[in-house]
Amino acid sequence: MQTLTQQIKQMTIFLLFMAIFSAYNPVFAETAEIKDHDAHAEHSQDWPGIYYGSLPCADCVGIKTTLVLNKNNSYVLLTQHLGKSEREFVEKGKFAPGDKSDTLVLTPRTGAAPQQYLVGENMLIQLDSNGNRITGKQADRYILRRTDVTAPAAKHGH
């Protein structure tokens, strides 16, 4: 378990990274509700924002994942294998609508295999390599939820 001080330090580093990154590629985390999947898929400007979650991991506690979708259709994906390493991996690339109207495809700059996500209301659901929903006991852990980092943080008493 991490101490509160470690968590605050990690969040501060992350926010500092995002502030520096936003100076070069603006990051927008405004909230947008999905009313109509087809209309939403056609208007990718609704997708930009910051998505966060802890994905399943075969040999660690979980994969702490932060996905930043920028208005210029670029993305930054930060991952950390919890309980295994303190190292954060950074992947950059482009995103675009998928073959299905309610999917999004991330294509890394490195040429690695693209990742697909199902677009939901303020969330992205990671799909398998064939573009299908992941099933099984941990299926509900493949979700990245949109966060609004522009909202003031709640104050905690000591």
Protein backbone atom coordinates (compact mmCIF):
# COMPACT_ATOMS: atom_id res chain seq x y z
CA MET A 1 0.00 0.00 0.00
CA GLN A 2 1.13 3.48 -0.74
CA THR A 3 1.11 6.13 1.90
CA LEU A 4 -0.92 9.29 1.45
CA THR A 5 2.33 11.22 0.96
CA GLN A 6 3.38 8.89 -1.89
CA GLN A 7 -0.03 9.21 -3.52
CA ILE A 8 0.06 13.01 -3.27
CA LYS A 9 3.59 13.03 -4.69
CA GLN A 10 2.56 10.81 -7.62
CA MET A 11 -0.52 12.93 -8.36
CA THR A 12 1.58 16.12 -8.19
CA ILE A 13 4.11 14.63 -10.63
CA PHE A 14 1.31 13.50 -12.94
CA LEU A 15 -0.38 16.92 -12.88
CA LEU A 16 2.97 18.63 -13.45
CA PHE A 17 3.61 16.31 -16.42
CA MET A 18 0.15 17.11 -17.80
CA ALA A 19 0.71 20.87 -17.34
CA ILE A 20 4.02 20.69 -19.20
CA PHE A 21 2.53 18.49 -21.92
CA SER A 22 -0.47 20.80 -22.31
CA ALA A 23 1.86 23.67 -23.14
CA TYR A 24 2.69 21.81 -26.36
CA ASN A 25 -0.58 19.97 -27.07
CA PRO A 26 -3.60 21.37 -25.21
CA VAL A 27 -5.46 18.81 -23.11
CA PHE A 28 -9.15 19.41 -22.59
CA ALA A 29 -11.13 17.51 -20.00
CA GLU A 30 -14.55 19.04 -20.37
CA THR A 31 -17.47 16.77 -19.63
CA ALA A 32 -19.57 15.63 -22.58
CA GLU A 33 -22.52 13.28 -22.35
CA ILE A 34 -23.17 10.77 -25.09
CA LYS A 35 -26.81 10.99 -26.17
CA ASP A 36 -26.56 9.31 -29.54
CA HIS A 37 -23.69 6.91 -30.30
CA ASP A 38 -23.86 7.46 -34.08
CA ALA A 39 -23.81 11.24 -33.76
CA HIS A 40 -21.08 10.99 -31.16
CA ALA A 41 -18.86 8.85 -33.36
CA GLU A 42 -19.21 11.33 -36.22
CA HIS A 43 -18.15 14.21 -33.95
CA SER A 44 -14.83 13.08 -32.51
CA GLN A 45 -14.43 16.49 -30.86
CA ASP A 46 -16.60 15.02 -28.07
CA TRP A 47 -13.95 12.41 -27.25
CA PRO A 48 -11.07 14.58 -26.02
CA GLY A 49 -10.48 14.40 -22.29
CA ILE A 50 -8.65 12.40 -19.66
CA TYR A 51 -9.68 8.81 -18.93
CA TYR A 52 -8.44 6.84 -15.93
CA GLY A 53 -8.68 3.28 -14.66
CA SER A 54 -6.89 0.22 -13.32
CA LEU A 55 -6.87 -2.55 -15.92
CA PRO A 56 -6.35 -6.24 -15.08
CA CYS A 57 -2.80 -7.60 -15.08
CA ALA A 58 -1.67 -11.24 -15.23
CA ASP A 59 1.46 -10.77 -13.11
CA CYS A 60 0.78 -7.64 -11.05
CA VAL A 61 -1.92 -5.98 -8.92
CA GLY A 62 -3.27 -3.99 -11.87
CA ILE A 63 -2.22 -1.62 -14.62
CA LYS A 64 -2.80 1.99 -13.57
CA THR A 65 -3.85 3.61 -16.84
CA THR A 66 -4.32 7.24 -17.83
CA LEU A 67 -5.36 8.03 -21.40
CA VAL A 68 -5.33 11.63 -22.62
CA LEU A 69 -7.22 12.26 -25.87
CA ASN A 70 -6.37 15.64 -27.39
CA LYS A 71 -8.51 17.75 -29.72
CA ASN A 72 -5.96 17.31 -32.53
CA ASN A 73 -6.65 13.53 -32.52
CA SER A 74 -3.37 12.71 -30.80
CA TYR A 75 -3.20 10.75 -27.55
CA VAL A 76 -0.86 10.01 -24.66
CA LEU A 77 -1.25 6.72 -22.79
CA LEU A 78 0.45 6.40 -19.38
CA THR A 79 0.62 2.96 -17.77
CA GLN A 80 2.20 1.62 -14.59
CA HIS A 81 2.26 -2.02 -13.46
CA LEU A 82 1.17 -1.72 -9.82
CA GLY A 83 2.97 -3.93 -7.32
CA LYS A 84 5.65 -4.71 -9.88
CA SER A 85 7.35 -1.48 -10.87
CA GLU A 86 7.30 2.24 -10.09
CA ARG A 87 8.13 2.96 -13.75
CA GLU A 88 5.50 4.66 -15.89
CA PHE A 89 5.37 3.82 -19.57
CA VAL A 90 4.39 6.53 -22.03
CA GLU A 91 2.89 5.80 -25.44
CA LYS A 92 1.93 8.47 -27.97
CA GLY A 93 -0.03 8.20 -31.17
CA LYS A 94 -3.20 9.16 -33.04
CA PHE A 95 -6.82 8.15 -32.50
CA ALA A 96 -9.71 7.91 -34.95
CA PRO A 97 -13.24 6.47 -35.19
CA GLY A 98 -13.31 2.70 -35.64
CA ASP A 99 -15.22 0.61 -38.18
CA LYS A 100 -18.22 0.53 -35.86
CA SER A 101 -19.90 3.86 -35.11
CA ASP A 102 -19.31 3.65 -31.35
CA THR A 103 -15.64 2.61 -31.35
CA LEU A 104 -12.35 4.44 -31.15
CA VAL A 105 -8.97 3.15 -32.42
CA LEU A 106 -5.63 4.20 -30.92
CA THR A 107 -2.68 3.83 -33.29
CA PRO A 108 0.72 4.12 -31.56
CA ARG A 109 3.58 6.03 -33.22
CA THR A 110 5.82 3.00 -32.66
CA GLY A 111 3.92 0.87 -35.14
CA ALA A 112 2.67 -1.47 -32.40
CA ALA A 113 -0.78 -3.03 -32.81
CA PRO A 114 -3.67 -0.55 -32.52
CA GLN A 115 -5.98 -0.72 -29.50
CA GLN A 116 -9.76 -0.44 -29.78
CA TYR A 117 -12.23 1.01 -27.29
CA LEU A 118 -16.01 1.06 -27.12
CA VAL A 119 -17.23 4.60 -26.43
CA GLY A 120 -19.73 4.92 -23.57
CA GLU A 121 -21.06 7.82 -21.54
CA ASN A 122 -17.94 9.40 -20.02
CA MET A 123 -16.04 6.13 -20.39
CA LEU A 124 -14.02 3.99 -22.77
CA ILE A 125 -14.20 0.20 -22.62
CA GLN A 126 -11.10 -1.61 -23.87
CA LEU A 127 -11.88 -4.21 -26.55
CA ASP A 128 -9.92 -7.31 -27.50
CA SER A 129 -7.68 -7.44 -30.58
CA ASN A 130 -10.69 -8.44 -32.74
CA GLY A 131 -12.77 -5.44 -31.60
CA ASN A 132 -15.04 -7.49 -29.30
CA ARG A 133 -16.00 -6.83 -25.68
CA ILE A 134 -13.81 -8.69 -23.24
CA THR A 135 -15.84 -11.23 -21.27
CA GLY A 136 -15.23 -13.16 -18.09
CA LYS A 137 -14.82 -12.53 -14.42
CA GLN A 138 -12.81 -9.31 -14.82
CA ALA A 139 -14.67 -7.86 -17.82
CA ASP A 140 -15.88 -4.85 -15.81
CA ARG A 141 -12.26 -3.88 -15.04
CA TYR A 142 -11.49 -2.95 -18.67
CA ILE A 143 -13.13 0.47 -18.26
CA LEU A 144 -11.43 3.86 -18.34
CA ARG A 145 -13.61 6.60 -16.83
CA ARG A 146 -13.47 10.21 -17.91
CA THR A 147 -12.23 12.61 -15.24
CA ASP A 148 -12.52 16.37 -15.06
CA VAL A 149 -9.17 17.63 -13.82
CA THR A 150 -10.31 21.24 -14.13
CA ALA A 151 -12.68 20.85 -11.16
CA PRO A 152 -11.26 21.99 -7.81
CA ALA A 153 -10.11 19.11 -5.62
CA ALA A 154 -12.14 18.34 -2.53
CA LYS A 155 -10.44 19.37 0.69
CA HIS A 156 -9.66 16.60 3.11
CA GLY A 157 -9.37 17.12 6.85
CA HIS A 158 -6.28 15.92 8.66
